[in-house]
C-alpha atoms as a PDB file:
ATOM      1  CA  MET A   1       1.527   0.999 -29.297  1.00  0.00           C
ATOM      2  CA  LYS A   2      -0.056   4.903 -30.189  1.00  0.00           C
ATOM      3  CA  LEU A   3      -2.581   6.613 -27.503  1.00  0.00           C
ATOM      4  CA  LEU A   4      -4.645   9.040 -28.540  1.00  0.00           C
ATOM      5  CA  LEU A   5      -5.586  10.600 -24.659  1.00  0.00           C
ATOM      6  CA  THR A   6      -8.532  12.163 -24.216  1.00  0.00           C
ATOM      7  CA  LYS A   7      -8.980  15.174 -22.093  1.00  0.00           C
ATOM      8  CA  HIS A   8     -10.340  13.045 -19.216  1.00  0.00           C
ATOM      9  CA  ALA A   9      -7.556  10.903 -19.122  1.00  0.00           C
ATOM     10  CA  LYS A  10      -5.157  13.857 -18.852  1.00  0.00           C
ATOM     11  CA  GLU A  11      -6.799  15.417 -16.184  1.00  0.00           C
ATOM     12  CA  ARG A  12      -6.677  12.349 -14.053  1.00  0.00           C
ATOM     13  CA  MET A  13      -2.685  11.310 -15.034  1.00  0.00           C
ATOM     14  CA  ALA A  14      -1.587  14.185 -13.719  1.00  0.00           C
ATOM     15  CA  GLU A  15      -4.292  14.381 -10.593  1.00  0.00           C
ATOM     16  CA  LYS A  16      -2.843  10.490  -9.696  1.00  0.00           C
ATOM     17  CA  ALA A  17       1.193  11.324 -11.465  1.00  0.00           C
ATOM     18  CA  ILE A  18       0.652   8.363 -14.460  1.00  0.00           C
ATOM     19  CA  THR A  19       2.975   8.080 -16.508  1.00  0.00           C
ATOM     20  CA  LEU A  20       2.572   6.976 -20.186  1.00  0.00           C
ATOM     21  CA  ASP A  21       4.911   4.112 -20.290  1.00  0.00           C
ATOM     22  CA  MET A  22       3.366   3.615 -16.791  1.00  0.00           C
ATOM     23  CA  ILE A  23      -0.683   3.120 -19.118  1.00  0.00           C
ATOM     24  CA  ARG A  24       1.146   0.764 -21.735  1.00  0.00           C
ATOM     25  CA  GLU A  25       2.272  -1.611 -18.936  1.00  0.00           C
ATOM     26  CA  VAL A  26      -1.200  -2.100 -17.741  1.00  0.00           C
ATOM     27  CA  ILE A  27      -2.284  -2.516 -21.453  1.00  0.00           C
ATOM     28  CA  GLN A  28       0.416  -4.671 -22.451  1.00  0.00           C
ATOM     29  CA  LYS A  29       0.559  -6.924 -18.664  1.00  0.00           C
ATOM     30  CA  GLY A  30      -2.833  -6.673 -17.538  1.00  0.00           C
ATOM     31  CA  ALA A  31      -6.644  -8.028 -16.588  1.00  0.00           C
ATOM     32  CA  THR A  32      -8.480  -7.332 -19.456  1.00  0.00           C
ATOM     33  CA  VAL A  33     -12.292  -7.067 -18.894  1.00  0.00           C
ATOM     34  CA  ARG A  34     -14.572  -6.049 -22.510  1.00  0.00           C
ATOM     35  CA  GLN A  35     -16.901  -3.314 -21.272  1.00  0.00           C
ATOM     36  CA  THR A  36     -19.371  -2.024 -23.380  1.00  0.00           C
ATOM     37  CA  ASP A  37     -17.603   0.788 -25.419  1.00  0.00           C
ATOM     38  CA  GLY A  38     -13.959  -0.933 -24.974  1.00  0.00           C
ATOM     39  CA  SER A  39     -12.064  -2.326 -21.988  1.00  0.00           C
ATOM     40  CA  LEU A  40     -10.514  -2.198 -18.542  1.00  0.00           C
ATOM     41  CA  ALA A  41      -7.455  -2.987 -17.786  1.00  0.00           C
ATOM     42  CA  SER A  42      -6.026  -3.427 -14.496  1.00  0.00           C
ATOM     43  CA  TYR A  43      -2.640  -3.907 -12.953  1.00  0.00           C
ATOM     44  CA  GLY A  44      -1.221  -3.661  -9.779  1.00  0.00           C
ATOM     45  CA  TYR A  45      -2.697  -0.387  -8.511  1.00  0.00           C
ATOM     46  CA  ILE A  46      -3.491   1.102 -11.933  1.00  0.00           C
ATOM     47  CA  LYS A  47      -6.728   0.842 -13.675  1.00  0.00           C
ATOM     48  CA  VAL A  48      -7.125   1.818 -17.635  1.00  0.00           C
ATOM     49  CA  ALA A  49     -10.218   2.313 -19.827  1.00  0.00           C
ATOM     50  CA  TYR A  50      -9.389   2.322 -23.404  1.00  0.00           C
ATOM     51  CA  LYS A  51     -11.013   1.233 -26.772  1.00  0.00           C
ATOM     52  CA  HIS A  52      -8.596  -0.181 -29.034  1.00  0.00           C
ATOM     53  CA  ILE A  53      -8.684   1.271 -32.621  1.00  0.00           C
ATOM     54  CA  GLY A  54      -7.126  -0.032 -35.690  1.00  0.00           C
ATOM     55  CA  GLU A  55      -3.847  -2.607 -35.547  1.00  0.00           C
ATOM     56  CA  GLU A  56      -1.598  -0.009 -33.347  1.00  0.00           C
ATOM     57  CA  TYR A  57      -3.749   2.919 -31.649  1.00  0.00           C
ATOM     58  CA  TYR A  58      -4.849   3.104 -28.421  1.00  0.00           C
ATOM     59  CA  LYS A  59      -7.525   5.531 -27.356  1.00  0.00           C
ATOM     60  CA  ILE A  60      -7.555   5.900 -23.695  1.00  0.00           C
ATOM     61  CA  LYS A  61     -10.642   7.015 -22.044  1.00  0.00           C
ATOM     62  CA  THR A  62      -9.815   7.113 -18.581  1.00  0.00           C
ATOM     63  CA  VAL A  63      -7.023   6.212 -15.816  1.00  0.00           C
ATOM     64  CA  PHE A  64      -7.378   5.631 -12.172  1.00  0.00           C
ATOM     65  CA  VAL A  65      -6.056   4.211  -9.313  1.00  0.00           C
ATOM     66  CA  GLY A  66      -7.906   1.676  -7.445  1.00  0.00           C
END
């Protein structure tokens, strides 16, 4: 799984101390809801908005706690 991070996602990761491993875990294990242009995965207290691109790439739009 390869992650492509937007500037916004990087900023939110830094603010909330969320790591790349945490994002991978949310995508792999979390409950996923389809959105207009991608998906929203929730696992524990972390949510990740992303778009699956091709076989192994995930564009991470934002991450948040909630």
